[in-house]
Amino acid sequence: MKIFYLTNGTKKFYIYRTMDVTRLKKDIVFKETLRGVEFLFHSTWGLFSPRNVDEGSRLLIKHMEIEKDDNCLDLGCGYGPIGLMMAKMAPEGEVYLVDKDYIAIEFAAKNAKLNNLKNCRIFLSNGFSKVKKKDFNIIASNLPAKVGKELLYIILSEAERHLVKGGKLYLVTISGLREFIKRNLLDVFGNYEKVKQGKSYTVALSRK
């Protein structure tokens, strides 16, 4: 790491020092209040938005409508903010959190335990590959910005197959992808609703 400071407004002096690897390897710990509920999160470098819940996930969490007995799925859960909020909102339901990154799964499981959420099932899955349950009321995902048409179509088709009749799919993406998402949701589900468009992200909804 390079640090510089000025002396007499003219000369630059540079100080070099190595990063404290031991400190960097420790869990990143922070609290977030989501829908009036305070959560304690642990994360680590390499996971998406490791120091705070990102703007897109916050927007999705704010606008999800979930019943207390809904069965829910957080697809690509990361360290768990969306899925854990679902578990709070559906205490009588069962919530699946899945991700293809085993580190993400490790931290999602840790965060479920830290927040005393016992209605969660958390496991590795590449998309829906390991998800056998097909009666979800709610599926939600914060889709990566670089999702391609092929992968998106797989995700949407599998989501439709894993929802009960009347079940809902919530997606949050960068707003620049909203028309792309809309076209594909209409193609697969036959319906589309723009739930909320924020400054940078848009929450979309389709029903089976």
C-alpha atoms as a PDB file:
ATOM      1  CA  MET A   1       0.000   0.000   0.000  1.00  0.00           C
ATOM      2  CA  LYS A   2       1.295   3.453  -0.894  1.00  0.00           C
ATOM      3  CA  ILE A   3       0.591   6.515   1.244  1.00  0.00           C
ATOM      4  CA  PHE A   4       1.715  10.037   0.415  1.00  0.00           C
ATOM      5  CA  TYR A   5       1.649  13.366   2.171  1.00  0.00           C
ATOM      6  CA  LEU A   6       2.839  16.873   1.332  1.00  0.00           C
ATOM      7  CA  THR A   7       5.439  18.996   3.094  1.00  0.00           C
ATOM      8  CA  ASN A   8       5.314  22.792   2.654  1.00  0.00           C
ATOM      9  CA  GLY A   9       2.788  22.256  -0.124  1.00  0.00           C
ATOM     10  CA  THR A  10       5.440  21.194  -2.625  1.00  0.00           C
ATOM     11  CA  LYS A  11       7.304  17.965  -1.886  1.00  0.00           C
ATOM     12  CA  LYS A  12       5.700  14.514  -1.906  1.00  0.00           C
ATOM     13  CA  PHE A  13       7.020  11.849   0.435  1.00  0.00           C
ATOM     14  CA  TYR A  14       5.977   8.231  -0.084  1.00  0.00           C
ATOM     15  CA  ILE A  15       5.733   5.577   2.593  1.00  0.00           C
ATOM     16  CA  TYR A  16       5.366   1.921   1.626  1.00  0.00           C
ATOM     17  CA  ARG A  17       4.093  -0.725   3.968  1.00  0.00           C
ATOM     18  CA  THR A  18       2.747  -4.222   3.606  1.00  0.00           C
ATOM     19  CA  MET A  19      -0.889  -4.974   4.393  1.00  0.00           C
ATOM     20  CA  ASP A  20      -1.652  -6.817   7.598  1.00  0.00           C
ATOM     21  CA  VAL A  21      -2.638 -10.189   6.130  1.00  0.00           C
ATOM     22  CA  THR A  22      -3.676 -11.608   9.496  1.00  0.00           C
ATOM     23  CA  ARG A  23      -6.162  -8.768   9.946  1.00  0.00           C
ATOM     24  CA  LEU A  24      -7.440  -9.091   6.377  1.00  0.00           C
ATOM     25  CA  LYS A  25      -8.158 -12.787   6.889  1.00  0.00           C
ATOM     26  CA  LYS A  26     -10.446 -12.107   9.835  1.00  0.00           C
ATOM     27  CA  ASP A  27     -14.202 -12.013   9.300  1.00  0.00           C
ATOM     28  CA  ILE A  28     -15.661  -8.679   8.255  1.00  0.00           C
ATOM     29  CA  VAL A  29     -18.388  -7.999  10.840  1.00  0.00           C
ATOM     30  CA  PHE A  30     -21.144  -5.422  10.517  1.00  0.00           C
ATOM     31  CA  LYS A  31     -24.762  -4.729  11.440  1.00  0.00           C
ATOM     32  CA  GLU A  32     -27.524  -3.741   9.044  1.00  0.00           C
ATOM     33  CA  THR A  33     -31.124  -2.726   9.664  1.00  0.00           C
ATOM     34  CA  LEU A  34     -33.441  -4.140   6.990  1.00  0.00           C
ATOM     35  CA  ARG A  35     -37.184  -3.452   7.124  1.00  0.00           C
ATOM     36  CA  GLY A  36     -36.742  -2.359  10.728  1.00  0.00           C
ATOM     37  CA  VAL A  37     -34.949  -5.558  11.746  1.00  0.00           C
ATOM     38  CA  GLU A  38     -31.318  -5.448  12.866  1.00  0.00           C
ATOM     39  CA  PHE A  39     -29.080  -8.195  11.497  1.00  0.00           C
ATOM     40  CA  LEU A  40     -25.520  -9.122  12.367  1.00  0.00           C
ATOM     41  CA  PHE A  41     -23.498 -10.229   9.345  1.00  0.00           C
ATOM     42  CA  HIS A  42     -20.121 -11.856   8.939  1.00  0.00           C
ATOM     43  CA  SER A  43     -18.475 -11.871   5.510  1.00  0.00           C
ATOM     44  CA  THR A  44     -15.046 -11.969   3.925  1.00  0.00           C
ATOM     45  CA  TRP A  45     -13.062 -10.537   1.034  1.00  0.00           C
ATOM     46  CA  GLY A  46     -14.005 -12.137  -2.266  1.00  0.00           C
ATOM     47  CA  LEU A  47     -17.721 -12.221  -1.566  1.00  0.00           C
ATOM     48  CA  PHE A  48     -20.026  -9.707  -3.221  1.00  0.00           C
ATOM     49  CA  SER A  49     -20.353  -6.429  -1.257  1.00  0.00           C
ATOM     50  CA  PRO A  50     -18.527  -7.794   1.805  1.00  0.00           C
ATOM     51  CA  ARG A  51     -18.707  -4.685   4.020  1.00  0.00           C
ATOM     52  CA  ASN A  52     -22.386  -3.781   3.709  1.00  0.00           C
ATOM     53  CA  VAL A  53     -25.603  -4.948   2.089  1.00  0.00           C
ATOM     54  CA  ASP A  54     -25.544  -3.608  -1.457  1.00  0.00           C
ATOM     55  CA  GLU A  55     -28.067  -1.147  -2.853  1.00  0.00           C
ATOM     56  CA  GLY A  56     -29.740  -3.676  -5.163  1.00  0.00           C
ATOM     57  CA  SER A  57     -30.352  -6.216  -2.400  1.00  0.00           C
ATOM     58  CA  ARG A  58     -31.681  -3.454  -0.142  1.00  0.00           C
ATOM     59  CA  LEU A  59     -34.164  -2.372  -2.819  1.00  0.00           C
ATOM     60  CA  LEU A  60     -35.334  -5.945  -3.362  1.00  0.00           C
ATOM     61  CA  ILE A  61     -35.669  -6.604   0.373  1.00  0.00           C
ATOM     62  CA  LYS A  62     -37.679  -3.419   0.832  1.00  0.00           C
ATOM     63  CA  HIS A  63     -40.229  -4.342  -1.830  1.00  0.00           C
ATOM     64  CA  MET A  64     -40.674  -8.113  -1.415  1.00  0.00           C
ATOM     65  CA  GLU A  65     -44.153  -9.187  -0.331  1.00  0.00           C
ATOM     66  CA  ILE A  66     -44.007 -12.439   1.630  1.00  0.00           C
ATOM     67  CA  GLU A  67     -46.584 -14.261   3.741  1.00  0.00           C
ATOM     68  CA  LYS A  68     -45.635 -15.760   7.103  1.00  0.00           C
ATOM     69  CA  ASP A  69     -45.967 -19.355   5.845  1.00  0.00           C
ATOM     70  CA  ASP A  70     -44.401 -18.962   2.391  1.00  0.00           C
ATOM     71  CA  ASN A  71     -41.726 -21.352   1.186  1.00  0.00           C
ATOM     72  CA  CYS A  72     -38.932 -19.250  -0.299  1.00  0.00           C
ATOM     73  CA  LEU A  73     -35.702 -19.571  -2.251  1.00  0.00           C
ATOM     74  CA  ASP A  74     -32.789 -17.130  -2.391  1.00  0.00           C
ATOM     75  CA  LEU A  75     -30.901 -18.003  -5.569  1.00  0.00           C
ATOM     76  CA  GLY A  76     -27.243 -16.905  -5.432  1.00  0.00           C
ATOM     77  CA  CYS A  77     -27.511 -16.020  -1.748  1.00  0.00           C
ATOM     78  CA  GLY A  78     -23.970 -14.778  -1.065  1.00  0.00           C
ATOM     79  CA  TYR A  79     -23.592 -14.346   2.680  1.00  0.00           C
ATOM     80  CA  GLY A  80     -27.358 -14.295   3.008  1.00  0.00           C
ATOM     81  CA  PRO A  81     -29.097 -10.916   3.423  1.00  0.00           C
ATOM     82  CA  ILE A  82     -32.029 -11.586   1.082  1.00  0.00           C
ATOM     83  CA  GLY A  83     -32.654 -15.133   2.270  1.00  0.00           C
ATOM     84  CA  LEU A  84     -32.323 -14.259   5.941  1.00  0.00           C
ATOM     85  CA  MET A  85     -34.817 -11.433   5.536  1.00  0.00           C
ATOM     86  CA  MET A  86     -37.177 -13.951   3.895  1.00  0.00           C
ATOM     87  CA  ALA A  87     -36.724 -16.243   6.899  1.00  0.00           C
ATOM     88  CA  LYS A  88     -37.702 -13.376   9.218  1.00  0.00           C
ATOM     89  CA  MET A  89     -40.763 -12.583   7.117  1.00  0.00           C
ATOM     90  CA  ALA A  90     -41.873 -16.221   6.768  1.00  0.00           C
ATOM     91  CA  PRO A  91     -41.274 -17.761  10.215  1.00  0.00           C
ATOM     92  CA  GLU A  92     -43.777 -20.546   9.494  1.00  0.00           C
ATOM     93  CA  GLY A  93     -42.295 -21.334   6.087  1.00  0.00           C
ATOM     94  CA  GLU A  94     -39.063 -22.903   4.905  1.00  0.00           C
ATOM     95  CA  VAL A  95     -36.368 -20.831   3.236  1.00  0.00           C
ATOM     96  CA  TYR A  96     -33.660 -22.235   0.962  1.00  0.00           C
ATOM     97  CA  LEU A  97     -30.434 -20.280   0.419  1.00  0.00           C
ATOM     98  CA  VAL A  98     -28.229 -21.608  -2.367  1.00  0.00           C
ATOM     99  CA  ASP A  99     -25.047 -20.462  -4.051  1.00  0.00           C
ATOM    100  CA  LYS A 100     -22.349 -22.048  -6.225  1.00  0.00           C
ATOM    101  CA  ASP A 101     -19.598 -20.564  -4.007  1.00  0.00           C
ATOM    102  CA  TYR A 102     -18.842 -22.708  -0.957  1.00  0.00           C
ATOM    103  CA  ILE A 103     -17.424 -19.708   0.930  1.00  0.00           C
ATOM    104  CA  ALA A 104     -20.718 -17.875   0.437  1.00  0.00           C
ATOM    105  CA  ILE A 105     -22.597 -20.907   1.774  1.00  0.00           C
ATOM    106  CA  GLU A 106     -20.286 -21.104   4.779  1.00  0.00           C
ATOM    107  CA  PHE A 107     -20.981 -17.478   5.701  1.00  0.00           C
ATOM    108  CA  ALA A 108     -24.719 -17.676   4.965  1.00  0.00           C
ATOM    109  CA  ALA A 109     -24.952 -20.617   7.378  1.00  0.00           C
ATOM    110  CA  LYS A 110     -22.934 -18.715   9.989  1.00  0.00           C
ATOM    111  CA  ASN A 111     -25.193 -15.676   9.624  1.00  0.00           C
ATOM    112  CA  ALA A 112     -28.374 -17.743   9.924  1.00  0.00           C
ATOM    113  CA  LYS A 113     -27.061 -19.128  13.207  1.00  0.00           C
ATOM    114  CA  LEU A 114     -25.914 -15.720  14.482  1.00  0.00           C
ATOM    115  CA  ASN A 115     -29.362 -14.274  13.805  1.00  0.00           C
ATOM    116  CA  ASN A 116     -31.174 -17.271  15.339  1.00  0.00           C
ATOM    117  CA  LEU A 117     -32.985 -18.204  12.123  1.00  0.00           C
ATOM    118  CA  LYS A 118     -33.834 -21.886  12.248  1.00  0.00           C
ATOM    119  CA  ASN A 119     -36.161 -22.159   9.245  1.00  0.00           C
ATOM    120  CA  CYS A 120     -33.299 -22.059   6.723  1.00  0.00           C
ATOM    121  CA  ARG A 121     -31.777 -24.761   4.533  1.00  0.00           C
ATOM    122  CA  ILE A 122     -28.434 -23.631   3.110  1.00  0.00           C
ATOM    123  CA  PHE A 123     -26.420 -25.612   0.580  1.00  0.00           C
ATOM    124  CA  LEU A 124     -24.266 -25.537  -2.536  1.00  0.00           C
ATOM    125  CA  SER A 125     -26.070 -25.476  -5.866  1.00  0.00           C
ATOM    126  CA  ASN A 126     -25.121 -24.257  -9.314  1.00  0.00           C
ATOM    127  CA  GLY A 127     -28.364 -22.470 -10.023  1.00  0.00           C
ATOM    128  CA  PHE A 128     -31.147 -24.995  -9.466  1.00  0.00           C
ATOM    129  CA  SER A 129     -28.943 -28.066  -9.979  1.00  0.00           C
ATOM    130  CA  LYS A 130     -29.303 -29.356  -6.398  1.00  0.00           C
ATOM    131  CA  VAL A 131     -32.724 -27.859  -5.641  1.00  0.00           C
ATOM    132  CA  LYS A 132     -35.244 -30.712  -5.618  1.00  0.00           C
ATOM    133  CA  LYS A 133     -38.090 -28.822  -3.959  1.00  0.00           C
ATOM    134  CA  LYS A 134     -40.595 -27.525  -6.521  1.00  0.00           C
ATOM    135  CA  ASP A 135     -43.290 -25.864  -4.467  1.00  0.00           C
ATOM    136  CA  PHE A 136     -41.823 -22.454  -3.682  1.00  0.00           C
ATOM    137  CA  ASN A 137     -44.156 -19.525  -3.191  1.00  0.00           C
ATOM    138  CA  ILE A 138     -41.340 -17.003  -3.624  1.00  0.00           C
ATOM    139  CA  ILE A 139     -38.032 -17.113  -5.494  1.00  0.00           C
ATOM    140  CA  ALA A 140     -35.767 -14.079  -5.320  1.00  0.00           C
ATOM    141  CA  SER A 141     -32.383 -13.288  -6.814  1.00  0.00           C
ATOM    142  CA  ASN A 142     -29.973 -10.399  -7.143  1.00  0.00           C
ATOM    143  CA  LEU A 143     -28.764 -11.216 -10.645  1.00  0.00           C
ATOM    144  CA  PRO A 144     -25.178 -10.406 -11.647  1.00  0.00           C
ATOM    145  CA  ALA A 145     -24.818  -7.516 -14.074  1.00  0.00           C
ATOM    146  CA  LYS A 146     -23.089  -9.643 -16.700  1.00  0.00           C
ATOM    147  CA  VAL A 147     -25.677 -12.406 -16.892  1.00  0.00           C
ATOM    148  CA  GLY A 148     -25.966 -13.509 -20.524  1.00  0.00           C
ATOM    149  CA  LYS A 149     -29.158 -14.389 -22.370  1.00  0.00           C
ATOM    150  CA  GLU A 150     -28.431 -18.117 -22.251  1.00  0.00           C
ATOM    151  CA  LEU A 151     -27.862 -18.250 -18.489  1.00  0.00           C
ATOM    152  CA  LEU A 152     -30.761 -15.910 -17.799  1.00  0.00           C
ATOM    153  CA  TYR A 153     -33.105 -18.098 -19.844  1.00  0.00           C
ATOM    154  CA  ILE A 154     -31.987 -21.165 -17.899  1.00  0.00           C
ATOM    155  CA  ILE A 155     -32.568 -19.378 -14.584  1.00  0.00           C
ATOM    156  CA  LEU A 156     -36.012 -18.106 -15.557  1.00  0.00           C
ATOM    157  CA  SER A 157     -37.154 -21.432 -17.001  1.00  0.00           C
ATOM    158  CA  GLU A 158     -36.001 -23.317 -13.913  1.00  0.00           C
ATOM    159  CA  ALA A 159     -37.577 -20.732 -11.623  1.00  0.00           C
ATOM    160  CA  GLU A 160     -40.918 -21.149 -13.372  1.00  0.00           C
ATOM    161  CA  ARG A 161     -40.693 -24.937 -12.888  1.00  0.00           C
ATOM    162  CA  HIS A 162     -39.913 -24.578  -9.158  1.00  0.00           C
ATOM    163  CA  LEU A 163     -42.805 -22.242  -8.302  1.00  0.00           C
ATOM    164  CA  VAL A 164     -46.307 -23.214  -7.236  1.00  0.00           C
ATOM    165  CA  LYS A 165     -49.223 -21.878  -9.255  1.00  0.00           C
ATOM    166  CA  GLY A 166     -49.448 -18.212  -8.365  1.00  0.00           C
ATOM    167  CA  GLY A 167     -45.872 -18.204  -7.046  1.00  0.00           C
ATOM    168  CA  LYS A 168     -43.724 -15.116  -7.554  1.00  0.00           C
ATOM    169  CA  LEU A 169     -40.244 -14.518  -8.924  1.00  0.00           C
ATOM    170  CA  TYR A 170     -38.507 -11.327  -7.780  1.00  0.00           C
ATOM    171  CA  LEU A 171     -35.380 -10.164  -9.595  1.00  0.00           C
ATOM    172  CA  VAL A 172     -33.203  -7.138  -8.961  1.00  0.00           C
ATOM    173  CA  THR A 173     -30.731  -5.999 -11.624  1.00  0.00           C
ATOM    174  CA  ILE A 174     -28.958  -2.841 -12.654  1.00  0.00           C
ATOM    175  CA  SER A 175     -31.468  -0.552 -14.333  1.00  0.00           C
ATOM    176  CA  GLY A 176     -29.589  -0.719 -17.614  1.00  0.00           C
ATOM    177  CA  LEU A 177     -30.766  -4.336 -17.959  1.00  0.00           C
ATOM    178  CA  ARG A 178     -34.440  -3.708 -17.195  1.00  0.00           C
ATOM    179  CA  GLU A 179     -35.663  -4.010 -20.807  1.00  0.00           C
ATOM    180  CA  PHE A 180     -33.566  -7.148 -21.321  1.00  0.00           C
ATOM    181  CA  ILE A 181     -35.047  -8.660 -18.166  1.00  0.00           C
ATOM    182  CA  LYS A 182     -38.561  -7.569 -19.138  1.00  0.00           C
ATOM    183  CA  ARG A 183     -38.366  -9.251 -22.567  1.00  0.00           C
ATOM    184  CA  ASN A 184     -37.169 -12.520 -21.093  1.00  0.00           C
ATOM    185  CA  LEU A 185     -39.688 -12.561 -18.241  1.00  0.00           C
ATOM    186  CA  LEU A 186     -42.501 -11.966 -20.720  1.00  0.00           C
ATOM    187  CA  ASP A 187     -41.155 -14.779 -22.877  1.00  0.00           C
ATOM    188  CA  VAL A 188     -40.958 -17.315 -20.039  1.00  0.00           C
ATOM    189  CA  PHE A 189     -43.778 -16.236 -17.682  1.00  0.00           C
ATOM    190  CA  GLY A 190     -46.024 -14.280 -20.001  1.00  0.00           C
ATOM    191  CA  ASN A 191     -46.220 -11.395 -17.539  1.00  0.00           C
ATOM    192  CA  TYR A 192     -43.984  -8.709 -16.060  1.00  0.00           C
ATOM    193  CA  GLU A 193     -44.286  -6.011 -13.413  1.00  0.00           C
ATOM    194  CA  LYS A 194     -41.769  -3.297 -12.612  1.00  0.00           C
ATOM    195  CA  VAL A 195     -42.058  -3.205  -8.826  1.00  0.00           C
ATOM    196  CA  LYS A 196     -39.593  -0.401  -8.208  1.00  0.00           C
ATOM    197  CA  GLN A 197     -36.955   1.441 -10.185  1.00  0.00           C
ATOM    198  CA  GLY A 198     -34.314   3.119  -8.079  1.00  0.00           C
ATOM    199  CA  LYS A 199     -31.397   5.279  -9.082  1.00  0.00           C
ATOM    200  CA  SER A 200     -29.235   2.346 -10.153  1.00  0.00           C
ATOM    201  CA  TYR A 201     -31.346  -0.815  -9.738  1.00  0.00           C
ATOM    202  CA  THR A 202     -34.756  -2.132 -10.757  1.00  0.00           C
ATOM    203  CA  VAL A 203     -36.881  -4.763  -9.044  1.00  0.00           C
ATOM    204  CA  ALA A 204     -38.974  -6.888 -11.405  1.00  0.00           C
ATOM    205  CA  LEU A 205     -41.708  -9.401 -10.652  1.00  0.00           C
ATOM    206  CA  SER A 206     -43.349 -12.229 -12.595  1.00  0.00           C
ATOM    207  CA  ARG A 207     -46.041 -14.649 -11.469  1.00  0.00           C
ATOM    208  CA  LYS A 208     -46.523 -18.257 -12.511  1.00  0.00           C
END
